[in-house]
Amino acid sequence: MLASKAHTVTFFASHEVDSKIKEMVGDGRQLGSAKVLQWVKANSDKAMEDGLVYWATAGVNYVRKRAAERTFRNCKVDSFNLTSLIHL
């Protein structure tokens, strides 16, 4: 707990972010640090939810590419079978 009330915190935001925070708080209500941090957390949570499918897909694609690379490196030119890569 602070010993004095002389401390202040200042937040800088774009017009878009400012509007979204004020929209969350509602008209006529005081905008304080707690509300700003609440919006930051909610916005971060939404960004993680929105990116989850993309990140998971990127991970699956990476694993498939690595498997294809290993299959290609382990096969001999004479016995190369393209269908083995298609099924990865």
C-alpha atoms as a PDB file:
ATOM      1  CA  MET A   1       0.000   0.000   0.000  1.00  0.00           C
ATOM      2  CA  LEU A   2       1.283   3.434  -0.846  1.00  0.00           C
ATOM      3  CA  ALA A   3       2.178   5.736   2.037  1.00  0.00           C
ATOM      4  CA  SER A   4       1.171   8.831   0.108  1.00  0.00           C
ATOM      5  CA  LYS A   5      -1.492   9.806  -2.413  1.00  0.00           C
ATOM      6  CA  ALA A   6       1.038  11.804  -4.435  1.00  0.00           C
ATOM      7  CA  HIS A   7       1.691   8.939  -6.865  1.00  0.00           C
ATOM      8  CA  THR A   8       0.129   8.939 -10.309  1.00  0.00           C
ATOM      9  CA  VAL A   9       0.082   6.580 -13.247  1.00  0.00           C
ATOM     10  CA  THR A  10      -0.401   7.848 -16.786  1.00  0.00           C
ATOM     11  CA  PHE A  11      -1.499   5.665 -19.689  1.00  0.00           C
ATOM     12  CA  PHE A  12      -1.059   6.611 -23.335  1.00  0.00           C
ATOM     13  CA  ALA A  13      -3.241   4.933 -25.945  1.00  0.00           C
ATOM     14  CA  SER A  14      -4.289   5.342 -29.538  1.00  0.00           C
ATOM     15  CA  HIS A  15      -7.693   6.823 -30.263  1.00  0.00           C
ATOM     16  CA  GLU A  16      -9.006   3.342 -31.119  1.00  0.00           C
ATOM     17  CA  VAL A  17      -7.835   1.813 -27.831  1.00  0.00           C
ATOM     18  CA  ASP A  18      -9.110   4.804 -25.855  1.00  0.00           C
ATOM     19  CA  SER A  19     -12.543   4.410 -27.484  1.00  0.00           C
ATOM     20  CA  LYS A  20     -12.657   0.673 -26.756  1.00  0.00           C
ATOM     21  CA  ILE A  21     -11.741   1.165 -23.097  1.00  0.00           C
ATOM     22  CA  LYS A  22     -14.357   3.894 -22.697  1.00  0.00           C
ATOM     23  CA  GLU A  23     -16.910   1.662 -24.442  1.00  0.00           C
ATOM     24  CA  MET A  24     -16.167  -1.119 -21.937  1.00  0.00           C
ATOM     25  CA  VAL A  25     -16.495   1.224 -18.948  1.00  0.00           C
ATOM     26  CA  GLY A  26     -19.695   2.871 -20.154  1.00  0.00           C
ATOM     27  CA  ASP A  27     -20.850   6.470 -20.235  1.00  0.00           C
ATOM     28  CA  GLY A  28     -20.558   8.596 -17.138  1.00  0.00           C
ATOM     29  CA  ARG A  29     -18.357   6.166 -15.224  1.00  0.00           C
ATOM     30  CA  GLN A  30     -14.897   7.108 -14.046  1.00  0.00           C
ATOM     31  CA  LEU A  31     -11.997   5.651 -15.971  1.00  0.00           C
ATOM     32  CA  GLY A  32      -9.250   4.508 -13.604  1.00  0.00           C
ATOM     33  CA  SER A  33      -6.127   2.388 -13.734  1.00  0.00           C
ATOM     34  CA  ALA A  34      -8.029  -0.738 -12.719  1.00  0.00           C
ATOM     35  CA  LYS A  35     -10.392  -0.385 -15.700  1.00  0.00           C
ATOM     36  CA  VAL A  36      -7.483   0.191 -18.096  1.00  0.00           C
ATOM     37  CA  LEU A  37      -5.695  -2.903 -16.799  1.00  0.00           C
ATOM     38  CA  GLN A  38      -8.948  -4.888 -16.973  1.00  0.00           C
ATOM     39  CA  TRP A  39      -9.266  -3.945 -20.656  1.00  0.00           C
ATOM     40  CA  VAL A  40      -5.600  -4.832 -21.318  1.00  0.00           C
ATOM     41  CA  LYS A  41      -6.100  -8.295 -19.805  1.00  0.00           C
ATOM     42  CA  ALA A  42      -9.356  -8.889 -21.697  1.00  0.00           C
ATOM     43  CA  ASN A  43      -7.761  -7.729 -24.952  1.00  0.00           C
ATOM     44  CA  SER A  44      -4.737  -9.984 -24.388  1.00  0.00           C
ATOM     45  CA  ASP A  45      -7.000 -12.960 -23.654  1.00  0.00           C
ATOM     46  CA  LYS A  46      -8.952 -12.336 -26.867  1.00  0.00           C
ATOM     47  CA  ALA A  47      -5.745 -12.045 -28.905  1.00  0.00           C
ATOM     48  CA  MET A  48      -4.555 -15.396 -27.529  1.00  0.00           C
ATOM     49  CA  GLU A  49      -7.910 -17.051 -28.276  1.00  0.00           C
ATOM     50  CA  ASP A  50      -7.948 -15.632 -31.808  1.00  0.00           C
ATOM     51  CA  GLY A  51      -4.371 -16.763 -32.461  1.00  0.00           C
ATOM     52  CA  LEU A  52      -4.688 -20.249 -31.003  1.00  0.00           C
ATOM     53  CA  VAL A  53      -5.964 -21.917 -34.183  1.00  0.00           C
ATOM     54  CA  TYR A  54      -3.301 -20.182 -36.282  1.00  0.00           C
ATOM     55  CA  TRP A  55      -0.495 -21.198 -33.908  1.00  0.00           C
ATOM     56  CA  ALA A  56      -1.742 -24.788 -33.715  1.00  0.00           C
ATOM     57  CA  THR A  57      -1.981 -25.003 -37.515  1.00  0.00           C
ATOM     58  CA  ALA A  58       1.516 -23.579 -37.871  1.00  0.00           C
ATOM     59  CA  GLY A  59       2.782 -26.233 -35.455  1.00  0.00           C
ATOM     60  CA  VAL A  60       1.107 -29.057 -37.384  1.00  0.00           C
ATOM     61  CA  ASN A  61       2.525 -27.734 -40.675  1.00  0.00           C
ATOM     62  CA  TYR A  62       6.000 -27.564 -39.150  1.00  0.00           C
ATOM     63  CA  VAL A  63       5.805 -31.178 -37.959  1.00  0.00           C
ATOM     64  CA  ARG A  64       4.585 -32.342 -41.383  1.00  0.00           C
ATOM     65  CA  LYS A  65       7.417 -30.522 -43.157  1.00  0.00           C
ATOM     66  CA  ARG A  66       9.984 -32.017 -40.800  1.00  0.00           C
ATOM     67  CA  ALA A  67       8.545 -35.509 -41.343  1.00  0.00           C
ATOM     68  CA  ALA A  68       8.636 -35.040 -45.116  1.00  0.00           C
ATOM     69  CA  GLU A  69      12.221 -33.817 -44.907  1.00  0.00           C
ATOM     70  CA  ARG A  70      13.261 -36.854 -42.842  1.00  0.00           C
ATOM     71  CA  THR A  71      11.477 -39.214 -45.253  1.00  0.00           C
ATOM     72  CA  PHE A  72      13.193 -37.595 -48.233  1.00  0.00           C
ATOM     73  CA  ARG A  73      16.635 -37.675 -46.602  1.00  0.00           C
ATOM     74  CA  ASN A  74      16.267 -41.336 -45.543  1.00  0.00           C
ATOM     75  CA  CYS A  75      15.218 -42.715 -48.933  1.00  0.00           C
ATOM     76  CA  LYS A  76      17.467 -43.626 -51.807  1.00  0.00           C
ATOM     77  CA  VAL A  77      16.941 -42.091 -55.221  1.00  0.00           C
ATOM     78  CA  ASP A  78      16.136 -45.488 -56.750  1.00  0.00           C
ATOM     79  CA  SER A  79      13.556 -46.357 -54.134  1.00  0.00           C
ATOM     80  CA  PHE A  80      11.973 -42.913 -53.759  1.00  0.00           C
ATOM     81  CA  ASN A  81       8.225 -43.265 -53.425  1.00  0.00           C
ATOM     82  CA  LEU A  82       6.219 -40.081 -53.859  1.00  0.00           C
ATOM     83  CA  THR A  83       3.127 -41.597 -52.227  1.00  0.00           C
ATOM     84  CA  SER A  84       5.039 -41.866 -48.941  1.00  0.00           C
ATOM     85  CA  LEU A  85       5.310 -38.070 -48.897  1.00  0.00           C
ATOM     86  CA  ILE A  86       1.685 -37.523 -49.910  1.00  0.00           C
ATOM     87  CA  HIS A  87       0.415 -39.459 -46.882  1.00  0.00           C
ATOM     88  CA  LEU A  88       2.301 -37.258 -44.388  1.00  0.00           C
END
